[in-house]
Amino acid sequence: TPKETVKIWDRKKFSLAEFFQLSQSYNVPWNKFI
């Protein structure tokens, strides 16, 4: 629980490659709403 505010990644500002890299940092299914 290191964060205190919501952080947002939007495809308008971040590339496909950055989204893929993001998935590698959060690559488990059980802490997500999809």
PDB file of all heavy atoms in Angstrom:
ATOM      1  N   THR A   1       0.824  -1.204   0.000  1.00  0.00           N
ATOM      2  CA  THR A   1       0.000   0.000   0.000  1.00  0.00           C
ATOM      3  C   THR A   1       0.862   1.259   0.000  1.00  0.00           C
ATOM      4  O   THR A   1       0.788   2.064   0.913  1.00  0.00           O
ATOM      5  CB  THR A   1      -0.941   0.027   1.216  1.00  0.00           C
ATOM      6  OG1 THR A   1      -0.131  -0.105   2.410  1.00  0.00           O
ATOM      7  CG2 THR A   1      -1.921  -1.119   1.176  1.00  0.00           C
ATOM      8  N   PRO A   2       1.714   1.442  -1.004  1.00  0.00           N
ATOM      9  CA  PRO A   2       2.623   2.583  -0.993  1.00  0.00           C
ATOM     10  C   PRO A   2       2.012   3.885  -1.470  1.00  0.00           C
ATOM     11  O   PRO A   2       2.579   4.946  -1.259  1.00  0.00           O
ATOM     12  CB  PRO A   2       3.717   2.141  -1.960  1.00  0.00           C
ATOM     13  CG  PRO A   2       2.991   1.286  -2.949  1.00  0.00           C
ATOM     14  CD  PRO A   2       1.913   0.571  -2.160  1.00  0.00           C
ATOM     15  N   LYS A   3       0.858   3.831  -2.136  1.00  0.00           N
ATOM     16  CA  LYS A   3       0.294   5.024  -2.756  1.00  0.00           C
ATOM     17  C   LYS A   3      -0.809   5.623  -1.895  1.00  0.00           C
ATOM     18  O   LYS A   3      -1.483   4.922  -1.158  1.00  0.00           O
ATOM     19  CB  LYS A   3      -0.259   4.673  -4.143  1.00  0.00           C
ATOM     20  CG  LYS A   3       0.763   4.043  -5.092  1.00  0.00           C
ATOM     21  CD  LYS A   3       1.812   5.059  -5.502  1.00  0.00           C
ATOM     22  CE  LYS A   3       2.724   4.482  -6.571  1.00  0.00           C
ATOM     23  NZ  LYS A   3       3.500   3.329  -6.141  1.00  0.00           N
ATOM     24  N   GLU A   4      -1.004   6.924  -1.995  1.00  0.00           N
ATOM     25  CA  GLU A   4      -2.049   7.609  -1.248  1.00  0.00           C
ATOM     26  C   GLU A   4      -3.130   8.178  -2.160  1.00  0.00           C
ATOM     27  O   GLU A   4      -4.198   8.550  -1.694  1.00  0.00           O
ATOM     28  CB  GLU A   4      -1.442   8.730  -0.403  1.00  0.00           C
ATOM     29  CG  GLU A   4      -0.489   8.220   0.676  1.00  0.00           C
ATOM     30  CD  GLU A   4       0.063   9.340   1.531  1.00  0.00           C
ATOM     31  OE1 GLU A   4      -0.251  10.518   1.237  1.00  0.00           O
ATOM     32  OE2 GLU A   4       0.803   9.043   2.474  1.00  0.00           O
ATOM     33  N   THR A   5      -2.863   8.280  -3.447  1.00  0.00           N
ATOM     34  CA  THR A   5      -3.835   8.818  -4.393  1.00  0.00           C
ATOM     35  C   THR A   5      -3.960   7.884  -5.587  1.00  0.00           C
ATOM     36  O   THR A   5      -3.082   7.052  -5.850  1.00  0.00           O
ATOM     37  CB  THR A   5      -3.421  10.212  -4.894  1.00  0.00           C
ATOM     38  OG1 THR A   5      -2.127  10.115  -5.524  1.00  0.00           O
ATOM     39  CG2 THR A   5      -3.338  11.196  -3.739  1.00  0.00           C
ATOM     40  N   VAL A   6      -5.070   8.029  -6.314  1.00  0.00           N
ATOM     41  CA  VAL A   6      -5.292   7.227  -7.514  1.00  0.00           C
ATOM     42  C   VAL A   6      -4.345   7.696  -8.617  1.00  0.00           C
ATOM     43  O   VAL A   6      -4.223   8.895  -8.882  1.00  0.00           O
ATOM     44  CB  VAL A   6      -6.752   7.358  -7.988  1.00  0.00           C
ATOM     45  CG1 VAL A   6      -6.956   6.648  -9.326  1.00  0.00           C
ATOM     46  CG2 VAL A   6      -7.691   6.790  -6.932  1.00  0.00           C
ATOM     47  N   LYS A   7      -3.673   6.747  -9.248  1.00  0.00           N
ATOM     48  CA  LYS A   7      -2.807   7.061 -10.380  1.00  0.00           C
ATOM     49  C   LYS A   7      -3.482   6.556 -11.653  1.00  0.00           C
ATOM     50  O   LYS A   7      -4.076   5.478 -11.664  1.00  0.00           O
ATOM     51  CB  LYS A   7      -1.441   6.400 -10.210  1.00  0.00           C
ATOM     52  CG  LYS A   7      -0.433   6.804 -11.276  1.00  0.00           C
ATOM     53  CD  LYS A   7       0.961   6.257 -10.962  1.00  0.00           C
ATOM     54  CE  LYS A   7       1.972   6.713 -12.005  1.00  0.00           C
ATOM     55  NZ  LYS A   7       3.345   6.214 -11.712  1.00  0.00           N
ATOM     56  N   ILE A   8      -3.396   7.333 -12.721  1.00  0.00           N
ATOM     57  CA  ILE A   8      -4.139   7.028 -13.946  1.00  0.00           C
ATOM     58  C   ILE A   8      -3.203   6.937 -15.139  1.00  0.00           C
ATOM     59  O   ILE A   8      -2.319   7.781 -15.319  1.00  0.00           O
ATOM     60  CB  ILE A   8      -5.201   8.118 -14.216  1.00  0.00           C
ATOM     61  CG1 ILE A   8      -6.193   8.198 -13.054  1.00  0.00           C
ATOM     62  CG2 ILE A   8      -5.946   7.842 -15.525  1.00  0.00           C
ATOM     63  CD1 ILE A   8      -7.148   9.366 -13.143  1.00  0.00           C
ATOM     64  N   TRP A   9      -3.403   5.880 -15.934  1.00  0.00           N
ATOM     65  CA  TRP A   9      -2.735   5.762 -17.232  1.00  0.00           C
ATOM     66  C   TRP A   9      -3.822   5.790 -18.307  1.00  0.00           C
ATOM     67  O   TRP A   9      -4.743   4.980 -18.293  1.00  0.00           O
ATOM     68  CB  TRP A   9      -1.961   4.456 -17.342  1.00  0.00           C
ATOM     69  CG  TRP A   9      -0.760   4.362 -16.467  1.00  0.00           C
ATOM     70  CD1 TRP A   9       0.530   4.721 -16.772  1.00  0.00           C
ATOM     71  CD2 TRP A   9      -0.705   3.842 -15.126  1.00  0.00           C
ATOM     72  NE1 TRP A   9       1.365   4.470 -15.710  1.00  0.00           N
ATOM     73  CE2 TRP A   9       0.632   3.945 -14.696  1.00  0.00           C
ATOM     74  CE3 TRP A   9      -1.668   3.326 -14.255  1.00  0.00           C
ATOM     75  CZ2 TRP A   9       1.041   3.526 -13.426  1.00  0.00           C
ATOM     76  CZ3 TRP A   9      -1.280   2.921 -12.998  1.00  0.00           C
ATOM     77  CH2 TRP A   9       0.065   3.022 -12.603  1.00  0.00           C
ATOM     78  N   ASP A  10      -3.724   6.719 -19.233  1.00  0.00           N
ATOM     79  CA  ASP A  10      -4.706   6.862 -20.300  1.00  0.00           C
ATOM     80  C   ASP A  10      -4.006   6.656 -21.635  1.00  0.00           C
ATOM     81  O   ASP A  10      -2.917   7.179 -21.864  1.00  0.00           O
ATOM     82  CB  ASP A  10      -5.342   8.253 -20.253  1.00  0.00           C
ATOM     83  CG  ASP A  10      -6.593   8.333 -21.112  1.00  0.00           C
ATOM     84  OD1 ASP A  10      -6.467   8.218 -22.352  1.00  0.00           O
ATOM     85  OD2 ASP A  10      -7.678   8.512 -20.548  1.00  0.00           O
ATOM     86  N   ARG A  11      -4.652   5.902 -22.534  1.00  0.00           N
ATOM     87  CA  ARG A  11      -4.040   5.587 -23.825  1.00  0.00           C
ATOM     88  C   ARG A  11      -3.781   6.849 -24.640  1.00  0.00           C
ATOM     89  O   ARG A  11      -2.924   6.857 -25.533  1.00  0.00           O
ATOM     90  CB  ARG A  11      -4.932   4.615 -24.601  1.00  0.00           C
ATOM     91  CG  ARG A  11      -4.359   4.126 -25.919  1.00  0.00           C
ATOM     92  CD  ARG A  11      -3.020   3.406 -25.760  1.00  0.00           C
ATOM     93  NE  ARG A  11      -3.144   2.198 -24.983  1.00  0.00           N
ATOM     94  CZ  ARG A  11      -3.586   1.034 -25.465  1.00  0.00           C
ATOM     95  NH1 ARG A  11      -3.926   0.940 -26.729  1.00  0.00           N
ATOM     96  NH2 ARG A  11      -3.657  -0.024 -24.681  1.00  0.00           N
ATOM     97  N   LYS A  12      -4.499   7.943 -24.345  1.00  0.00           N
ATOM     98  CA  LYS A  12      -4.267   9.193 -25.062  1.00  0.00           C
ATOM     99  C   LYS A  12      -2.889   9.767 -24.759  1.00  0.00           C
ATOM    100  O   LYS A  12      -2.334  10.534 -25.550  1.00  0.00           O
ATOM    101  CB  LYS A  12      -5.351  10.210 -24.694  1.00  0.00           C
ATOM    102  CG  LYS A  12      -6.750   9.819 -25.133  1.00  0.00           C
ATOM    103  CD  LYS A  12      -7.771  10.852 -24.668  1.00  0.00           C
ATOM    104  CE  LYS A  12      -9.178  10.448 -25.071  1.00  0.00           C
ATOM    105  NZ  LYS A  12     -10.191  11.423 -24.579  1.00  0.00           N
ATOM    106  N   LYS A  13      -2.350   9.395 -23.589  1.00  0.00           N
ATOM    107  CA  LYS A  13      -1.069   9.949 -23.166  1.00  0.00           C
ATOM    108  C   LYS A  13       0.041   8.903 -23.105  1.00  0.00           C
ATOM    109  O   LYS A  13       1.229   9.258 -23.107  1.00  0.00           O
ATOM    110  CB  LYS A  13      -1.213  10.604 -21.788  1.00  0.00           C
ATOM    111  CG  LYS A  13      -2.211  11.757 -21.765  1.00  0.00           C
ATOM    112  CD  LYS A  13      -2.314  12.355 -20.369  1.00  0.00           C
ATOM    113  CE  LYS A  13      -3.317  13.500 -20.330  1.00  0.00           C
ATOM    114  NZ  LYS A  13      -3.449  14.082 -18.965  1.00  0.00           N
ATOM    115  N   PHE A  14      -0.336   7.625 -23.023  1.00  0.00           N
ATOM    116  CA  PHE A  14       0.658   6.567 -22.888  1.00  0.00           C
ATOM    117  C   PHE A  14       0.572   5.628 -24.086  1.00  0.00           C
ATOM    118  O   PHE A  14      -0.506   5.348 -24.607  1.00  0.00           O
ATOM    119  CB  PHE A  14       0.444   5.778 -21.594  1.00  0.00           C
ATOM    120  CG  PHE A  14       0.747   6.560 -20.350  1.00  0.00           C
ATOM    121  CD1 PHE A  14      -0.211   7.373 -19.777  1.00  0.00           C
ATOM    122  CD2 PHE A  14       1.998   6.501 -19.757  1.00  0.00           C
ATOM    123  CE1 PHE A  14       0.056   8.110 -18.634  1.00  0.00           C
ATOM    124  CE2 PHE A  14       2.283   7.226 -18.618  1.00  0.00           C
ATOM    125  CZ  PHE A  14       1.320   8.034 -18.050  1.00  0.00           C
ATOM    126  N   SER A  15       1.700   5.115 -24.506  1.00  0.00           N
ATOM    127  CA  SER A  15       1.766   4.279 -25.704  1.00  0.00           C
ATOM    128  C   SER A  15       1.355   2.844 -25.397  1.00  0.00           C
ATOM    129  O   SER A  15       1.278   2.416 -24.242  1.00  0.00           O
ATOM    130  CB  SER A  15       3.193   4.277 -26.254  1.00  0.00           C
ATOM    131  OG  SER A  15       4.056   3.587 -25.374  1.00  0.00           O
ATOM    132  N   LEU A  16       1.123   2.080 -26.461  1.00  0.00           N
ATOM    133  CA  LEU A  16       0.825   0.661 -26.339  1.00  0.00           C
ATOM    134  C   LEU A  16       1.960  -0.059 -25.628  1.00  0.00           C
ATOM    135  O   LEU A  16       1.734  -0.919 -24.770  1.00  0.00           O
ATOM    136  CB  LEU A  16       0.584   0.062 -27.726  1.00  0.00           C
ATOM    137  CG  LEU A  16       0.251  -1.428 -27.792  1.00  0.00           C
ATOM    138  CD1 LEU A  16      -1.057  -1.713 -27.073  1.00  0.00           C
ATOM    139  CD2 LEU A  16       0.175  -1.877 -29.244  1.00  0.00           C
ATOM    140  N   ALA A  17       3.191   0.285 -25.962  1.00  0.00           N
ATOM    141  CA  ALA A  17       4.351  -0.342 -25.327  1.00  0.00           C
ATOM    142  C   ALA A  17       4.383  -0.061 -23.829  1.00  0.00           C
ATOM    143  O   ALA A  17       4.725  -0.938 -23.031  1.00  0.00           O
ATOM    144  CB  ALA A  17       5.641   0.155 -25.981  1.00  0.00           C
ATOM    145  N   GLU A  18       3.998   1.154 -23.441  1.00  0.00           N
ATOM    146  CA  GLU A  18       3.972   1.501 -22.021  1.00  0.00           C
ATOM    147  C   GLU A  18       2.879   0.727 -21.290  1.00  0.00           C
ATOM    148  O   GLU A  18       3.065   0.308 -20.136  1.00  0.00           O
ATOM    149  CB  GLU A  18       3.782   3.002 -21.859  1.00  0.00           C
ATOM    150  CG  GLU A  18       5.031   3.812 -22.215  1.00  0.00           C
ATOM    151  CD  GLU A  18       4.757   5.300 -22.241  1.00  0.00           C
ATOM    152  OE1 GLU A  18       3.779   5.723 -22.895  1.00  0.00           O
ATOM    153  OE2 GLU A  18       5.525   6.038 -21.598  1.00  0.00           O
ATOM    154  N   PHE A  19       1.745   0.512 -21.935  1.00  0.00           N
ATOM    155  CA  PHE A  19       0.685  -0.280 -21.325  1.00  0.00           C
ATOM    156  C   PHE A  19       1.138  -1.728 -21.154  1.00  0.00           C
ATOM    157  O   PHE A  19       0.849  -2.370 -20.143  1.00  0.00           O
ATOM    158  CB  PHE A  19      -0.587  -0.218 -22.176  1.00  0.00           C
ATOM    159  CG  PHE A  19      -1.564   0.829 -21.723  1.00  0.00           C
ATOM    160  CD1 PHE A  19      -1.168   2.154 -21.593  1.00  0.00           C
ATOM    161  CD2 PHE A  19      -2.862   0.497 -21.428  1.00  0.00           C
ATOM    162  CE1 PHE A  19      -2.057   3.122 -21.180  1.00  0.00           C
ATOM    163  CE2 PHE A  19      -3.778   1.465 -21.009  1.00  0.00           C
ATOM    164  CZ  PHE A  19      -3.366   2.780 -20.885  1.00  0.00           C
ATOM    165  N   PHE A  20       1.853  -2.265 -22.138  1.00  0.00           N
ATOM    166  CA  PHE A  20       2.351  -3.630 -22.022  1.00  0.00           C
ATOM    167  C   PHE A  20       3.360  -3.728 -20.883  1.00  0.00           C
ATOM    168  O   PHE A  20       3.343  -4.685 -20.106  1.00  0.00           O
ATOM    169  CB  PHE A  20       2.996  -4.078 -23.333  1.00  0.00           C
ATOM    170  CG  PHE A  20       3.537  -5.484 -23.274  1.00  0.00           C
ATOM    171  CD1 PHE A  20       2.685  -6.562 -23.396  1.00  0.00           C
ATOM    172  CD2 PHE A  20       4.892  -5.725 -23.081  1.00  0.00           C
ATOM    173  CE1 PHE A  20       3.170  -7.863 -23.327  1.00  0.00           C
ATOM    174  CE2 PHE A  20       5.383  -7.009 -23.012  1.00  0.00           C
ATOM    175  CZ  PHE A  20       4.518  -8.084 -23.140  1.00  0.00           C
ATOM    176  N   GLN A  21       4.223  -2.746 -20.764  1.00  0.00           N
ATOM    177  CA  GLN A  21       5.204  -2.738 -19.680  1.00  0.00           C
ATOM    178  C   GLN A  21       4.496  -2.652 -18.330  1.00  0.00           C
ATOM    179  O   GLN A  21       4.900  -3.287 -17.354  1.00  0.00           O
ATOM    180  CB  GLN A  21       6.176  -1.565 -19.839  1.00  0.00           C
ATOM    181  CG  GLN A  21       7.297  -1.541 -18.809  1.00  0.00           C
ATOM    182  CD  GLN A  21       8.160  -2.787 -18.857  1.00  0.00           C
ATOM    183  OE1 GLN A  21       8.491  -3.275 -19.947  1.00  0.00           O
ATOM    184  NE2 GLN A  21       8.498  -3.327 -17.701  1.00  0.00           N
ATOM    185  N   LEU A  22       3.430  -1.889 -18.283  1.00  0.00           N
ATOM    186  CA  LEU A  22       2.643  -1.776 -17.065  1.00  0.00           C
ATOM    187  C   LEU A  22       2.079  -3.132 -16.654  1.00  0.00           C
ATOM    188  O   LEU A  22       2.057  -3.485 -15.470  1.00  0.00           O
ATOM    189  CB  LEU A  22       1.512  -0.772 -17.279  1.00  0.00           C
ATOM    190  CG  LEU A  22       0.576  -0.478 -16.108  1.00  0.00           C
ATOM    191  CD1 LEU A  22       1.343   0.165 -14.963  1.00  0.00           C
ATOM    192  CD2 LEU A  22      -0.556   0.433 -16.566  1.00  0.00           C
ATOM    193  N   SER A  23       1.654  -3.908 -17.635  1.00  0.00           N
ATOM    194  CA  SER A  23       1.093  -5.230 -17.346  1.00  0.00           C
ATOM    195  C   SER A  23       2.116  -6.155 -16.715  1.00  0.00           C
ATOM    196  O   SER A  23       1.779  -7.046 -15.933  1.00  0.00           O
ATOM    197  CB  SER A  23       0.540  -5.868 -18.627  1.00  0.00           C
ATOM    198  OG  SER A  23       1.585  -6.351 -19.463  1.00  0.00           O
ATOM    199  N   GLN A  24       3.391  -5.964 -17.024  1.00  0.00           N
ATOM    200  CA  GLN A  24       4.432  -6.808 -16.459  1.00  0.00           C
ATOM    201  C   GLN A  24       4.666  -6.494 -14.983  1.00  0.00           C
ATOM    202  O   GLN A  24       5.153  -7.337 -14.222  1.00  0.00           O
ATOM    203  CB  GLN A  24       5.732  -6.645 -17.244  1.00  0.00           C
ATOM    204  CG  GLN A  24       5.596  -6.893 -18.742  1.00  0.00           C
ATOM    205  CD  GLN A  24       4.920  -8.213 -19.060  1.00  0.00           C
ATOM    206  OE1 GLN A  24       5.457  -9.284 -18.793  1.00  0.00           O
ATOM    207  NE2 GLN A  24       3.728  -8.147 -19.636  1.00  0.00           N
ATOM    208  N   SER A  25       4.337  -5.279 -14.581  1.00  0.00           N
ATOM    209  CA  SER A  25       4.484  -4.892 -13.177  1.00  0.00           C
ATOM    210  C   SER A  25       3.284  -5.316 -12.335  1.00  0.00           C
ATOM    211  O   SER A  25       3.401  -5.426 -11.117  1.00  0.00           O
ATOM    212  CB  SER A  25       4.668  -3.373 -13.071  1.00  0.00           C
ATOM    213  OG  SER A  25       5.822  -2.948 -13.768  1.00  0.00           O
ATOM    214  N   TYR A  26       2.141  -5.523 -12.965  1.00  0.00           N
ATOM    215  CA  TYR A  26       0.910  -5.891 -12.252  1.00  0.00           C
ATOM    216  C   TYR A  26       0.290  -7.095 -12.957  1.00  0.00           C
ATOM    217  O   TYR A  26      -0.802  -7.033 -13.503  1.00  0.00           O
ATOM    218  CB  TYR A  26      -0.059  -4.702 -12.234  1.00  0.00           C
ATOM    219  CG  TYR A  26       0.496  -3.470 -11.547  1.00  0.00           C
ATOM    220  CD1 TYR A  26       1.063  -2.437 -12.288  1.00  0.00           C
ATOM    221  CD2 TYR A  26       0.473  -3.363 -10.160  1.00  0.00           C
ATOM    222  CE1 TYR A  26       1.581  -1.314 -11.651  1.00  0.00           C
ATOM    223  CE2 TYR A  26       0.989  -2.244  -9.524  1.00  0.00           C
ATOM    224  CZ  TYR A  26       1.541  -1.222 -10.273  1.00  0.00           C
ATOM    225  OH  TYR A  26       2.057  -0.113  -9.640  1.00  0.00           O
ATOM    226  N   ASN A  27       1.021  -8.223 -12.961  1.00  0.00           N
ATOM    227  CA  ASN A  27       0.670  -9.331 -13.844  1.00  0.00           C
ATOM    228  C   ASN A  27      -0.094 -10.467 -13.163  1.00  0.00           C
ATOM    229  O   ASN A  27      -0.097 -11.589 -13.652  1.00  0.00           O
ATOM    230  CB  ASN A  27       1.932  -9.881 -14.511  1.00  0.00           C
ATOM    231  CG  ASN A  27       2.989 -10.328 -13.495  1.00  0.00           C
ATOM    232  OD1 ASN A  27       2.694 -10.476 -12.318  1.00  0.00           O
ATOM    233  ND2 ASN A  27       4.193 -10.542 -13.965  1.00  0.00           N
ATOM    234  N   VAL A  28      -0.733 -10.190 -12.028  1.00  0.00           N
ATOM    235  CA  VAL A  28      -1.598 -11.199 -11.413  1.00  0.00           C
ATOM    236  C   VAL A  28      -3.053 -10.781 -11.632  1.00  0.00           C
ATOM    237  O   VAL A  28      -3.349  -9.596 -11.765  1.00  0.00           O
ATOM    238  CB  VAL A  28      -1.299 -11.348  -9.904  1.00  0.00           C
ATOM    239  CG1 VAL A  28       0.106 -11.893  -9.685  1.00  0.00           C
ATOM    240  CG2 VAL A  28      -1.462 -10.018  -9.181  1.00  0.00           C
ATOM    241  N   PRO A  29      -3.984 -11.742 -11.672  1.00  0.00           N
ATOM    242  CA  PRO A  29      -5.380 -11.377 -11.946  1.00  0.00           C
ATOM    243  C   PRO A  29      -6.179 -11.000 -10.708  1.00  0.00           C
ATOM    244  O   PRO A  29      -7.244 -10.399 -10.819  1.00  0.00           O
ATOM    245  CB  PRO A  29      -5.941 -12.658 -12.572  1.00  0.00           C
ATOM    246  CG  PRO A  29      -5.162 -13.752 -11.929  1.00  0.00           C
ATOM    247  CD  PRO A  29      -3.777 -13.193 -11.686  1.00  0.00           C
ATOM    248  N   TRP A  30      -5.692 -11.332  -9.519  1.00  0.00           N
ATOM    249  CA  TRP A  30      -6.556 -11.294  -8.337  1.00  0.00           C
ATOM    250  C   TRP A  30      -6.545 -10.002  -7.539  1.00  0.00           C
ATOM    251  O   TRP A  30      -7.060  -9.970  -6.425  1.00  0.00           O
ATOM    252  CB  TRP A  30      -6.246 -12.470  -7.412  1.00  0.00           C
ATOM    253  CG  TRP A  30      -4.809 -12.869  -7.302  1.00  0.00           C
ATOM    254  CD1 TRP A  30      -4.239 -13.983  -7.869  1.00  0.00           C
ATOM    255  CD2 TRP A  30      -3.752 -12.196  -6.601  1.00  0.00           C
ATOM    256  NE1 TRP A  30      -2.902 -14.023  -7.561  1.00  0.00           N
ATOM    257  CE2 TRP A  30      -2.576 -12.954  -6.780  1.00  0.00           C
ATOM    258  CE3 TRP A  30      -3.691 -11.026  -5.847  1.00  0.00           C
ATOM    259  CZ2 TRP A  30      -1.357 -12.579  -6.232  1.00  0.00           C
ATOM    260  CZ3 TRP A  30      -2.471 -10.640  -5.300  1.00  0.00           C
ATOM    261  CH2 TRP A  30      -1.321 -11.426  -5.489  1.00  0.00           C
ATOM    262  N   ASN A  31      -6.025  -8.923  -8.039  1.00  0.00           N
ATOM    263  CA  ASN A  31      -6.157  -7.634  -7.341  1.00  0.00           C
ATOM    264  C   ASN A  31      -6.726  -6.566  -8.267  1.00  0.00           C
ATOM    265  O   ASN A  31      -6.430  -5.393  -8.126  1.00  0.00           O
ATOM    266  CB  ASN A  31      -4.807  -7.179  -6.789  1.00  0.00           C
ATOM    267  CG  ASN A  31      -3.797  -6.862  -7.886  1.00  0.00           C
ATOM    268  OD1 ASN A  31      -3.891  -7.399  -8.993  1.00  0.00           O
ATOM    269  ND2 ASN A  31      -2.838  -6.003  -7.602  1.00  0.00           N
ATOM    270  N   LYS A  32      -7.575  -6.977  -9.185  1.00  0.00           N
ATOM    271  CA  LYS A  32      -8.035  -6.066 -10.238  1.00  0.00           C
ATOM    272  C   LYS A  32      -9.537  -6.146 -10.486  1.00  0.00           C
ATOM    273  O   LYS A  32     -10.124  -7.236 -10.452  1.00  0.00           O
ATOM    274  CB  LYS A  32      -7.327  -6.394 -11.558  1.00  0.00           C
ATOM    275  CG  LYS A  32      -5.824  -6.223 -11.520  1.00  0.00           C
ATOM    276  CD  LYS A  32      -5.199  -6.714 -12.813  1.00  0.00           C
ATOM    277  CE  LYS A  32      -3.691  -6.541 -12.759  1.00  0.00           C
ATOM    278  NZ  LYS A  32      -3.080  -7.358 -11.691  1.00  0.00           N
ATOM    279  N   PHE A  33     -10.130  -5.005 -10.758  1.00  0.00           N
ATOM    280  CA  PHE A  33     -11.413  -4.957 -11.439  1.00  0.00           C
ATOM    281  C   PHE A  33     -11.116  -4.816 -12.929  1.00  0.00           C
ATOM    282  O   PHE A  33     -10.353  -3.929 -13.335  1.00  0.00           O
ATOM    283  CB  PHE A  33     -12.239  -3.759 -10.988  1.00  0.00           C
ATOM    284  CG  PHE A  33     -13.101  -4.016  -9.786  1.00  0.00           C
ATOM    285  CD1 PHE A  33     -13.062  -3.168  -8.694  1.00  0.00           C
ATOM    286  CD2 PHE A  33     -13.961  -5.106  -9.758  1.00  0.00           C
ATOM    287  CE1 PHE A  33     -13.866  -3.394  -7.588  1.00  0.00           C
ATOM    288  CE2 PHE A  33     -14.763  -5.341  -8.654  1.00  0.00           C
ATOM    289  CZ  PHE A  33     -14.713  -4.486  -7.568  1.00  0.00           C
ATOM    290  N   ILE A  34     -11.721  -5.655 -13.738  1.00  0.00           N
ATOM    291  CA  ILE A  34     -11.582  -5.583 -15.196  1.00  0.00           C
ATOM    292  C   ILE A  34     -12.985  -5.404 -15.777  1.00  0.00           C
ATOM    293  O   ILE A  34     -13.898  -6.172 -15.459  1.00  0.00           O
ATOM    294  CB  ILE A  34     -10.927  -6.843 -15.774  1.00  0.00           C
ATOM    295  CG1 ILE A  34      -9.541  -7.053 -15.147  1.00  0.00           C
ATOM    296  CG2 ILE A  34     -10.818  -6.742 -17.297  1.00  0.00           C
ATOM    297  CD1 ILE A  34      -8.887  -8.366 -15.542  1.00  0.00           C
TER     298      ILE A  34
END
